[in-house]
Amino acid sequence: MSERPVKRGFVDVPGGQVHYRTAGARTGTPLVLMHPSPGSGLMLRPLLEAMGKRRWTIALDTRGNGDSDPLPGTPEIADFARAAWEAIDALGIGECCLLGTHTGASIATEAAIQQPGRVSRLIIDNMGLWSAVKKEQHLARNAPAVAPDMIGSQFNWAWHYCRDQYLFSPWYEPTEANRRHIDLPPAEILHDFVVEVLKALGTYHMSYSAAARYPKRARLPLLAVPTMVSSNDRDPLKQYLDELHSLVPGSVKAMVGDLETDDGADVAAKIYERFLAA
């Protein structure tokens, strides 16, 4: 990780607190980042830093992920979107831009549908438009509920679970056909990823499963804000980019860099800022 300054904080919201990271001067229209699952806003630190050089940027930990308190019951994407607005309100932000990737893309999409008047621009980076069969597989296998035990098996599980996200897509089908053929991240970054998942061991799966249940093809055409859809050559969800573009009225499409790497985030930030400033 580079050493550009990132600050951290908590805001009080109904039912608990939300943890966030922020970078950049508090001027202009802020950009709120919504991270992929599993993990937390830490996964988007490279993009947070890159965009923070251009505008005030905030990366939220989704409720029940990282250091943010979970939502009650079995929340759906609409609940996570409302919770995001509660955090944005608590930060004193009115109008903003939203960027969501993977699970965060579903949350950002629904947030923009809920309050379009507050969203000046939306960026959807990678969204899985699953078939009915794939959706059921994801719900059954992708985000298992895990609890601590007296021999600490959760630590070994979390390490392999996070590592295998880089090796296979989906991670739970470790076959040659599903190999991603990308390098593993440095051990320090993988360690940080694992720690973020362990922090929310009992609740990390809630947003992941909600994203699988979210009726994306029905909701995306309801967007009424200027929207960019994006992907990168390393991402297994790139295969859905053209369909995603076709489902979002008036959207623009872009190929960017990997948001979780310093070099990729710098490439993406240049492309994103041109869209956000238009």
C-alpha atoms as a PDB file:
ATOM      1  CA  MET A   1       0.000   0.000   0.000  1.00  0.00           C
ATOM      2  CA  SER A   2       1.196   3.520  -0.722  1.00  0.00           C
ATOM      3  CA  GLU A   3       1.470   6.169   1.981  1.00  0.00           C
ATOM      4  CA  ARG A   4      -0.986   8.794   0.770  1.00  0.00           C
ATOM      5  CA  PRO A   5      -3.030   9.992   3.741  1.00  0.00           C
ATOM      6  CA  VAL A   6      -6.297   8.250   4.545  1.00  0.00           C
ATOM      7  CA  LYS A   7      -8.300   9.148   7.635  1.00  0.00           C
ATOM      8  CA  ARG A   8     -10.768   6.920   9.447  1.00  0.00           C
ATOM      9  CA  GLY A   9     -13.832   7.545  11.548  1.00  0.00           C
ATOM     10  CA  PHE A  10     -17.235   6.377  12.767  1.00  0.00           C
ATOM     11  CA  VAL A  11     -20.676   7.923  12.475  1.00  0.00           C
ATOM     12  CA  ASP A  12     -23.697   7.104  14.608  1.00  0.00           C
ATOM     13  CA  VAL A  13     -26.655   5.703  12.687  1.00  0.00           C
ATOM     14  CA  PRO A  14     -29.895   3.989  13.722  1.00  0.00           C
ATOM     15  CA  GLY A  15     -28.948   0.648  15.200  1.00  0.00           C
ATOM     16  CA  GLY A  16     -25.226   1.259  15.638  1.00  0.00           C
ATOM     17  CA  GLN A  17     -22.225   2.825  13.957  1.00  0.00           C
ATOM     18  CA  VAL A  18     -20.734   2.887  10.472  1.00  0.00           C
ATOM     19  CA  HIS A  19     -16.985   2.905   9.935  1.00  0.00           C
ATOM     20  CA  TYR A  20     -15.557   4.874   7.027  1.00  0.00           C
ATOM     21  CA  ARG A  21     -12.268   5.928   5.430  1.00  0.00           C
ATOM     22  CA  THR A  22     -11.849   9.278   3.735  1.00  0.00           C
ATOM     23  CA  ALA A  23      -9.307  11.068   1.577  1.00  0.00           C
ATOM     24  CA  GLY A  24      -9.137  14.441  -0.154  1.00  0.00           C
ATOM     25  CA  ALA A  25     -10.175  18.001   0.595  1.00  0.00           C
ATOM     26  CA  ARG A  26     -13.805  18.659   1.505  1.00  0.00           C
ATOM     27  CA  THR A  27     -14.610  20.609  -1.625  1.00  0.00           C
ATOM     28  CA  GLY A  28     -16.939  19.962  -4.536  1.00  0.00           C
ATOM     29  CA  THR A  29     -19.320  17.050  -4.892  1.00  0.00           C
ATOM     30  CA  PRO A  30     -18.061  14.113  -2.803  1.00  0.00           C
ATOM     31  CA  LEU A  31     -17.737  10.554  -4.083  1.00  0.00           C
ATOM     32  CA  VAL A  32     -18.961   7.704  -1.879  1.00  0.00           C
ATOM     33  CA  LEU A  33     -17.414   4.273  -2.519  1.00  0.00           C
ATOM     34  CA  MET A  34     -19.222   0.999  -1.793  1.00  0.00           C
ATOM     35  CA  HIS A  35     -16.924  -2.010  -1.622  1.00  0.00           C
ATOM     36  CA  PRO A  36     -17.133  -5.578  -2.926  1.00  0.00           C
ATOM     37  CA  SER A  37     -17.834  -8.577  -0.727  1.00  0.00           C
ATOM     38  CA  PRO A  38     -16.306 -10.035   1.296  1.00  0.00           C
ATOM     39  CA  GLY A  39     -14.121  -7.528   3.148  1.00  0.00           C
ATOM     40  CA  SER A  40     -14.586  -3.834   3.793  1.00  0.00           C
ATOM     41  CA  GLY A  41     -13.769  -0.391   2.447  1.00  0.00           C
ATOM     42  CA  LEU A  42     -10.118  -1.277   2.947  1.00  0.00           C
ATOM     43  CA  MET A  43     -10.305  -3.283  -0.285  1.00  0.00           C
ATOM     44  CA  LEU A  44     -10.825   0.015  -2.127  1.00  0.00           C
ATOM     45  CA  ARG A  45      -8.026   1.945  -0.449  1.00  0.00           C
ATOM     46  CA  PRO A  46      -6.044   2.304  -3.717  1.00  0.00           C
ATOM     47  CA  LEU A  47      -9.065   3.882  -5.429  1.00  0.00           C
ATOM     48  CA  LEU A  48      -9.862   5.968  -2.353  1.00  0.00           C
ATOM     49  CA  GLU A  49      -6.361   7.443  -2.471  1.00  0.00           C
ATOM     50  CA  ALA A  50      -6.396   7.962  -6.237  1.00  0.00           C
ATOM     51  CA  MET A  51      -9.788   9.675  -6.240  1.00  0.00           C
ATOM     52  CA  GLY A  52      -8.889  11.596  -3.089  1.00  0.00           C
ATOM     53  CA  LYS A  53      -6.344  13.523  -5.140  1.00  0.00           C
ATOM     54  CA  ARG A  54      -9.231  14.790  -7.251  1.00  0.00           C
ATOM     55  CA  ARG A  55     -12.207  15.204  -4.880  1.00  0.00           C
ATOM     56  CA  TRP A  56     -13.408  14.381  -1.368  1.00  0.00           C
ATOM     57  CA  THR A  57     -13.881  10.611  -1.373  1.00  0.00           C
ATOM     58  CA  ILE A  58     -15.396   8.397   1.323  1.00  0.00           C
ATOM     59  CA  ALA A  59     -15.296   4.584   1.486  1.00  0.00           C
ATOM     60  CA  LEU A  60     -17.977   3.126   3.744  1.00  0.00           C
ATOM     61  CA  ASP A  61     -17.794  -0.262   5.415  1.00  0.00           C
ATOM     62  CA  THR A  62     -21.094  -1.884   4.460  1.00  0.00           C
ATOM     63  CA  ARG A  63     -23.229  -2.707   7.503  1.00  0.00           C
ATOM     64  CA  GLY A  64     -22.116  -6.062   8.913  1.00  0.00           C
ATOM     65  CA  ASN A  65     -18.725  -5.805   7.180  1.00  0.00           C
ATOM     66  CA  GLY A  66     -15.377  -4.580   8.453  1.00  0.00           C
ATOM     67  CA  ASP A  67     -16.009  -2.381  11.500  1.00  0.00           C
ATOM     68  CA  SER A  68     -19.615  -1.377  10.746  1.00  0.00           C
ATOM     69  CA  ASP A  69     -22.395  -2.769  12.920  1.00  0.00           C
ATOM     70  CA  PRO A  70     -24.747  -5.249  11.212  1.00  0.00           C
ATOM     71  CA  LEU A  71     -28.348  -4.698  10.247  1.00  0.00           C
ATOM     72  CA  PRO A  72     -30.988  -6.776  12.038  1.00  0.00           C
ATOM     73  CA  GLY A  73     -32.729  -9.808  10.609  1.00  0.00           C
ATOM     74  CA  THR A  74     -32.082 -10.881   7.018  1.00  0.00           C
ATOM     75  CA  PRO A  75     -31.501  -7.587   5.225  1.00  0.00           C
ATOM     76  CA  GLU A  76     -31.980  -7.143   1.488  1.00  0.00           C
ATOM     77  CA  ILE A  77     -30.129  -4.772  -0.829  1.00  0.00           C
ATOM     78  CA  ALA A  78     -32.810  -2.114  -0.295  1.00  0.00           C
ATOM     79  CA  ASP A  79     -32.012  -2.210   3.430  1.00  0.00           C
ATOM     80  CA  PHE A  80     -28.282  -1.852   2.786  1.00  0.00           C
ATOM     81  CA  ALA A  81     -28.991   1.080   0.463  1.00  0.00           C
ATOM     82  CA  ARG A  82     -31.119   2.846   3.087  1.00  0.00           C
ATOM     83  CA  ALA A  83     -28.358   2.199   5.621  1.00  0.00           C
ATOM     84  CA  ALA A  84     -25.834   3.782   3.254  1.00  0.00           C
ATOM     85  CA  TRP A  85     -27.983   6.903   3.055  1.00  0.00           C
ATOM     86  CA  GLU A  86     -28.141   7.008   6.857  1.00  0.00           C
ATOM     87  CA  ALA A  87     -24.345   7.052   6.960  1.00  0.00           C
ATOM     88  CA  ILE A  88     -24.164   9.676   4.202  1.00  0.00           C
ATOM     89  CA  ASP A  89     -26.647  11.817   6.142  1.00  0.00           C
ATOM     90  CA  ALA A  90     -24.595  11.405   9.324  1.00  0.00           C
ATOM     91  CA  LEU A  91     -21.532  12.648   7.429  1.00  0.00           C
ATOM     92  CA  GLY A  92     -23.429  15.821   6.565  1.00  0.00           C
ATOM     93  CA  ILE A  93     -23.459  15.109   2.839  1.00  0.00           C
ATOM     94  CA  GLY A  94     -26.314  16.215   0.641  1.00  0.00           C
ATOM     95  CA  GLU A  95     -25.720  15.642  -3.061  1.00  0.00           C
ATOM     96  CA  CYS A  96     -23.008  13.134  -3.937  1.00  0.00           C
ATOM     97  CA  CYS A  97     -21.645  10.767  -6.548  1.00  0.00           C
ATOM     98  CA  LEU A  98     -21.827   7.041  -5.886  1.00  0.00           C
ATOM     99  CA  LEU A  99     -19.481   4.262  -6.986  1.00  0.00           C
ATOM    100  CA  GLY A 100     -20.137   0.630  -6.173  1.00  0.00           C
ATOM    101  CA  THR A 101     -18.266  -2.480  -7.222  1.00  0.00           C
ATOM    102  CA  HIS A 102     -19.566  -6.091  -7.129  1.00  0.00           C
ATOM    103  CA  THR A 103     -21.837  -6.266  -4.031  1.00  0.00           C
ATOM    104  CA  GLY A 104     -21.338  -2.531  -3.614  1.00  0.00           C
ATOM    105  CA  ALA A 105     -22.619  -2.055  -7.171  1.00  0.00           C
ATOM    106  CA  SER A 106     -26.000  -3.477  -6.195  1.00  0.00           C
ATOM    107  CA  ILE A 107     -26.127  -1.261  -3.097  1.00  0.00           C
ATOM    108  CA  ALA A 108     -25.146   1.870  -5.041  1.00  0.00           C
ATOM    109  CA  THR A 109     -27.689   1.066  -7.755  1.00  0.00           C
ATOM    110  CA  GLU A 110     -30.536   0.732  -5.266  1.00  0.00           C
ATOM    111  CA  ALA A 111     -29.391   3.846  -3.388  1.00  0.00           C
ATOM    112  CA  ALA A 112     -29.585   5.834  -6.637  1.00  0.00           C
ATOM    113  CA  ILE A 113     -33.075   4.456  -7.307  1.00  0.00           C
ATOM    114  CA  GLN A 114     -34.183   5.380  -3.782  1.00  0.00           C
ATOM    115  CA  GLN A 115     -32.916   8.974  -3.869  1.00  0.00           C
ATOM    116  CA  PRO A 116     -32.103   9.993  -7.449  1.00  0.00           C
ATOM    117  CA  GLY A 117     -32.280  13.685  -6.628  1.00  0.00           C
ATOM    118  CA  ARG A 118     -29.195  13.355  -4.423  1.00  0.00           C
ATOM    119  CA  VAL A 119     -27.042  11.406  -6.899  1.00  0.00           C
ATOM    120  CA  SER A 120     -25.292  13.579  -9.470  1.00  0.00           C
ATOM    121  CA  ARG A 121     -23.401  10.650 -11.053  1.00  0.00           C
ATOM    122  CA  LEU A 122     -23.364   6.867 -10.527  1.00  0.00           C
ATOM    123  CA  ILE A 123     -20.590   4.406 -11.417  1.00  0.00           C
ATOM    124  CA  ILE A 124     -21.386   0.694 -11.467  1.00  0.00           C
ATOM    125  CA  ASP A 125     -18.181  -1.310 -11.579  1.00  0.00           C
ATOM    126  CA  ASN A 126     -18.849  -4.988 -12.298  1.00  0.00           C
ATOM    127  CA  MET A 127     -22.120  -6.668 -11.457  1.00  0.00           C
ATOM    128  CA  GLY A 128     -22.922 -10.359 -11.684  1.00  0.00           C
ATOM    129  CA  LEU A 129     -26.050 -10.848 -13.775  1.00  0.00           C
ATOM    130  CA  TRP A 130     -26.542 -14.445 -12.730  1.00  0.00           C
ATOM    131  CA  SER A 131     -28.783 -17.011 -14.336  1.00  0.00           C
ATOM    132  CA  ALA A 132     -31.358 -18.633 -12.052  1.00  0.00           C
ATOM    133  CA  VAL A 133     -29.123 -21.685 -11.648  1.00  0.00           C
ATOM    134  CA  LYS A 134     -26.019 -19.610 -10.880  1.00  0.00           C
ATOM    135  CA  LYS A 135     -28.000 -17.533  -8.386  1.00  0.00           C
ATOM    136  CA  GLU A 136     -29.055 -20.651  -6.480  1.00  0.00           C
ATOM    137  CA  GLN A 137     -25.465 -21.951  -6.504  1.00  0.00           C
ATOM    138  CA  HIS A 138     -24.223 -18.663  -5.083  1.00  0.00           C
ATOM    139  CA  LEU A 139     -26.843 -18.597  -2.387  1.00  0.00           C
ATOM    140  CA  ALA A 140     -26.012 -22.154  -1.386  1.00  0.00           C
ATOM    141  CA  ARG A 141     -22.199 -22.051  -1.577  1.00  0.00           C
ATOM    142  CA  ASN A 142     -20.666 -18.602  -2.031  1.00  0.00           C
ATOM    143  CA  ALA A 143     -20.991 -17.057   1.448  1.00  0.00           C
ATOM    144  CA  PRO A 144     -21.294 -19.731   4.133  1.00  0.00           C
ATOM    145  CA  ALA A 145     -22.159 -18.707   7.663  1.00  0.00           C
ATOM    146  CA  VAL A 146     -19.094 -19.388   9.829  1.00  0.00           C
ATOM    147  CA  ALA A 147     -18.776 -19.296  13.625  1.00  0.00           C
ATOM    148  CA  PRO A 148     -15.682 -19.385  15.864  1.00  0.00           C
ATOM    149  CA  ASP A 149     -14.841 -22.692  17.488  1.00  0.00           C
ATOM    150  CA  MET A 150     -12.464 -23.817  20.230  1.00  0.00           C
ATOM    151  CA  ILE A 151      -9.748 -25.005  17.822  1.00  0.00           C
ATOM    152  CA  GLY A 152      -9.751 -21.807  15.781  1.00  0.00           C
ATOM    153  CA  SER A 153     -10.689 -23.439  12.495  1.00  0.00           C
ATOM    154  CA  GLN A 154     -12.212 -20.123  11.420  1.00  0.00           C
ATOM    155  CA  PHE A 155      -8.720 -18.676  10.951  1.00  0.00           C
ATOM    156  CA  ASN A 156      -7.659 -21.375   8.506  1.00  0.00           C
ATOM    157  CA  TRP A 157     -11.024 -21.154   6.736  1.00  0.00           C
ATOM    158  CA  ALA A 158     -10.790 -17.379   6.324  1.00  0.00           C
ATOM    159  CA  TRP A 159      -7.261 -17.498   4.900  1.00  0.00           C
ATOM    160  CA  HIS A 160      -8.178 -20.042   2.226  1.00  0.00           C
ATOM    161  CA  TYR A 161     -11.522 -18.411   1.531  1.00  0.00           C
ATOM    162  CA  CYS A 162      -9.911 -15.039   0.835  1.00  0.00           C
ATOM    163  CA  ARG A 163      -6.946 -16.498  -1.043  1.00  0.00           C
ATOM    164  CA  ASP A 164      -9.159 -18.602  -3.291  1.00  0.00           C
ATOM    165  CA  GLN A 165     -11.085 -15.503  -4.401  1.00  0.00           C
ATOM    166  CA  TYR A 166      -7.954 -14.648  -6.416  1.00  0.00           C
ATOM    167  CA  LEU A 167      -7.389 -18.173  -7.725  1.00  0.00           C
ATOM    168  CA  PHE A 168     -10.811 -19.252  -8.986  1.00  0.00           C
ATOM    169  CA  SER A 169     -14.129 -17.800 -10.082  1.00  0.00           C
ATOM    170  CA  PRO A 170     -16.260 -18.866  -8.389  1.00  0.00           C
ATOM    171  CA  TRP A 171     -13.918 -19.670  -5.517  1.00  0.00           C
ATOM    172  CA  TYR A 172     -15.994 -22.711  -4.507  1.00  0.00           C
ATOM    173  CA  GLU A 173     -15.359 -24.474  -7.833  1.00  0.00           C
ATOM    174  CA  PRO A 174     -11.548 -24.865  -7.868  1.00  0.00           C
ATOM    175  CA  THR A 175     -11.185 -26.345 -11.339  1.00  0.00           C
ATOM    176  CA  GLU A 176      -8.854 -25.557 -14.221  1.00  0.00           C
ATOM    177  CA  ALA A 177     -11.784 -24.119 -16.178  1.00  0.00           C
ATOM    178  CA  ASN A 178     -12.400 -21.608 -13.385  1.00  0.00           C
ATOM    179  CA  ARG A 179      -8.798 -20.508 -12.800  1.00  0.00           C
ATOM    180  CA  ARG A 180      -8.380 -16.737 -12.913  1.00  0.00           C
ATOM    181  CA  HIS A 181      -4.720 -16.803 -14.048  1.00  0.00           C
ATOM    182  CA  ILE A 182      -3.749 -13.681 -12.105  1.00  0.00           C
ATOM    183  CA  ASP A 183      -1.053 -13.204  -9.500  1.00  0.00           C
ATOM    184  CA  LEU A 184      -1.893 -13.418  -5.826  1.00  0.00           C
ATOM    185  CA  PRO A 185      -1.601 -10.086  -4.010  1.00  0.00           C
ATOM    186  CA  PRO A 186       1.314  -9.511  -1.633  1.00  0.00           C
ATOM    187  CA  ALA A 187       1.021 -11.448   1.615  1.00  0.00           C
ATOM    188  CA  GLU A 188       0.439  -8.233   3.577  1.00  0.00           C
ATOM    189  CA  ILE A 189      -2.608  -7.306   1.485  1.00  0.00           C
ATOM    190  CA  LEU A 190      -4.023 -10.821   1.704  1.00  0.00           C
ATOM    191  CA  HIS A 191      -3.504 -10.697   5.487  1.00  0.00           C
ATOM    192  CA  ASP A 192      -5.415  -7.415   5.725  1.00  0.00           C
ATOM    193  CA  PHE A 193      -8.227  -8.882   3.617  1.00  0.00           C
ATOM    194  CA  VAL A 194      -8.487 -11.917   5.905  1.00  0.00           C
ATOM    195  CA  VAL A 195      -8.553  -9.740   9.024  1.00  0.00           C
ATOM    196  CA  GLU A 196     -11.423  -7.663   7.636  1.00  0.00           C
ATOM    197  CA  VAL A 197     -13.443 -10.821   6.973  1.00  0.00           C
ATOM    198  CA  LEU A 198     -12.658 -12.193  10.432  1.00  0.00           C
ATOM    199  CA  LYS A 199     -13.848  -8.967  12.065  1.00  0.00           C
ATOM    200  CA  ALA A 200     -17.324  -9.611  10.659  1.00  0.00           C
ATOM    201  CA  LEU A 201     -17.241 -13.399  10.673  1.00  0.00           C
ATOM    202  CA  GLY A 202     -20.840 -13.795  11.808  1.00  0.00           C
ATOM    203  CA  THR A 203     -22.374 -11.237   9.461  1.00  0.00           C
ATOM    204  CA  TYR A 204     -20.136 -10.836   6.387  1.00  0.00           C
ATOM    205  CA  HIS A 205     -22.379 -13.195   4.416  1.00  0.00           C
ATOM    206  CA  MET A 206     -25.505 -11.055   4.755  1.00  0.00           C
ATOM    207  CA  SER A 207     -24.649  -8.460   2.111  1.00  0.00           C
ATOM    208  CA  TYR A 208     -23.089 -11.096  -0.159  1.00  0.00           C
ATOM    209  CA  SER A 209     -26.282 -13.173  -0.139  1.00  0.00           C
ATOM    210  CA  ALA A 210     -28.488 -10.099  -0.484  1.00  0.00           C
ATOM    211  CA  ALA A 211     -26.619  -9.179  -3.668  1.00  0.00           C
ATOM    212  CA  ALA A 212     -27.281 -12.655  -5.068  1.00  0.00           C
ATOM    213  CA  ARG A 213     -31.005 -12.271  -4.328  1.00  0.00           C
ATOM    214  CA  TYR A 214     -31.215  -8.722  -5.711  1.00  0.00           C
ATOM    215  CA  PRO A 215     -33.332  -8.638  -8.925  1.00  0.00           C
ATOM    216  CA  LYS A 216     -30.728  -6.749 -10.930  1.00  0.00           C
ATOM    217  CA  ARG A 217     -32.270  -7.060 -14.373  1.00  0.00           C
ATOM    218  CA  ALA A 218     -35.546  -5.646 -13.046  1.00  0.00           C
ATOM    219  CA  ARG A 219     -33.977  -2.821 -11.045  1.00  0.00           C
ATOM    220  CA  LEU A 220     -31.264  -1.500 -13.382  1.00  0.00           C
ATOM    221  CA  PRO A 221     -33.710  -0.057 -15.977  1.00  0.00           C
ATOM    222  CA  LEU A 222     -35.218   2.092 -13.187  1.00  0.00           C
ATOM    223  CA  LEU A 223     -32.053   4.173 -12.874  1.00  0.00           C
ATOM    224  CA  ALA A 224     -32.643   7.817 -13.746  1.00  0.00           C
ATOM    225  CA  VAL A 225     -29.226   9.348 -13.040  1.00  0.00           C
ATOM    226  CA  PRO A 226     -26.183   9.708 -15.328  1.00  0.00           C
ATOM    227  CA  THR A 227     -24.427   6.346 -15.069  1.00  0.00           C
ATOM    228  CA  MET A 228     -21.145   4.806 -16.138  1.00  0.00           C
ATOM    229  CA  VAL A 229     -20.668   1.035 -16.170  1.00  0.00           C
ATOM    230  CA  SER A 230     -17.125  -0.302 -16.024  1.00  0.00           C
ATOM    231  CA  SER A 231     -14.949  -3.377 -15.752  1.00  0.00           C
ATOM    232  CA  ASN A 232     -11.339  -4.428 -16.186  1.00  0.00           C
ATOM    233  CA  ASP A 233      -9.541  -7.276 -17.897  1.00  0.00           C
ATOM    234  CA  ARG A 234      -8.752  -9.036 -14.594  1.00  0.00           C
ATOM    235  CA  ASP A 235     -12.330  -9.210 -13.374  1.00  0.00           C
ATOM    236  CA  PRO A 236     -14.429 -12.363 -13.964  1.00  0.00           C
ATOM    237  CA  LEU A 237     -17.588 -10.230 -14.079  1.00  0.00           C
ATOM    238  CA  LYS A 238     -16.335  -8.492 -17.224  1.00  0.00           C
ATOM    239  CA  GLN A 239     -18.459 -10.993 -19.179  1.00  0.00           C
ATOM    240  CA  TYR A 240     -21.603  -9.147 -18.046  1.00  0.00           C
ATOM    241  CA  LEU A 241     -20.459  -5.628 -18.969  1.00  0.00           C
ATOM    242  CA  ASP A 242     -22.263  -5.371 -22.315  1.00  0.00           C
ATOM    243  CA  GLU A 243     -25.545  -6.615 -20.863  1.00  0.00           C
ATOM    244  CA  LEU A 244     -25.150  -4.286 -17.892  1.00  0.00           C
ATOM    245  CA  HIS A 245     -24.623  -1.396 -20.303  1.00  0.00           C
ATOM    246  CA  SER A 246     -27.767  -2.336 -22.227  1.00  0.00           C
ATOM    247  CA  LEU A 247     -29.894  -2.477 -19.070  1.00  0.00           C
ATOM    248  CA  VAL A 248     -29.003   0.994 -17.747  1.00  0.00           C
ATOM    249  CA  PRO A 249     -30.753   3.739 -19.729  1.00  0.00           C
ATOM    250  CA  GLY A 250     -28.308   6.173 -21.343  1.00  0.00           C
ATOM    251  CA  SER A 251     -25.270   4.689 -19.628  1.00  0.00           C
ATOM    252  CA  VAL A 252     -21.707   5.015 -20.857  1.00  0.00           C
ATOM    253  CA  LYS A 253     -19.325   2.059 -20.834  1.00  0.00           C
ATOM    254  CA  ALA A 254     -15.632   2.042 -19.941  1.00  0.00           C
ATOM    255  CA  MET A 255     -12.766  -0.368 -19.448  1.00  0.00           C
ATOM    256  CA  VAL A 256     -10.661   0.736 -16.499  1.00  0.00           C
ATOM    257  CA  GLY A 257      -7.932  -0.676 -14.261  1.00  0.00           C
ATOM    258  CA  ASP A 258      -8.240  -3.010 -11.289  1.00  0.00           C
ATOM    259  CA  LEU A 259      -9.629  -0.819  -8.489  1.00  0.00           C
ATOM    260  CA  GLU A 260      -7.819  -2.802  -5.784  1.00  0.00           C
ATOM    261  CA  THR A 261      -4.280  -2.209  -7.126  1.00  0.00           C
ATOM    262  CA  ASP A 262      -2.376   1.073  -7.059  1.00  0.00           C
ATOM    263  CA  ASP A 263      -1.625   1.121 -10.784  1.00  0.00           C
ATOM    264  CA  GLY A 264      -5.118   0.009 -11.765  1.00  0.00           C
ATOM    265  CA  ALA A 265      -6.781   2.516  -9.453  1.00  0.00           C
ATOM    266  CA  ASP A 266      -4.731   5.373 -10.930  1.00  0.00           C
ATOM    267  CA  VAL A 267      -5.898   4.394 -14.428  1.00  0.00           C
ATOM    268  CA  ALA A 268      -9.508   4.068 -13.271  1.00  0.00           C
ATOM    269  CA  ALA A 269      -9.452   7.374 -11.382  1.00  0.00           C
ATOM    270  CA  LYS A 270      -8.516   9.334 -14.509  1.00  0.00           C
ATOM    271  CA  ILE A 271     -11.399   7.791 -16.458  1.00  0.00           C
ATOM    272  CA  TYR A 272     -13.864   8.127 -13.593  1.00  0.00           C
ATOM    273  CA  GLU A 273     -13.017  11.754 -12.893  1.00  0.00           C
ATOM    274  CA  ARG A 274     -13.670  12.748 -16.505  1.00  0.00           C
ATOM    275  CA  PHE A 275     -17.155  11.241 -16.179  1.00  0.00           C
ATOM    276  CA  LEU A 276     -17.854  12.675 -12.734  1.00  0.00           C
ATOM    277  CA  ALA A 277     -16.751  16.182 -13.740  1.00  0.00           C
ATOM    278  CA  ALA A 278     -18.697  16.224 -17.005  1.00  0.00           C
END
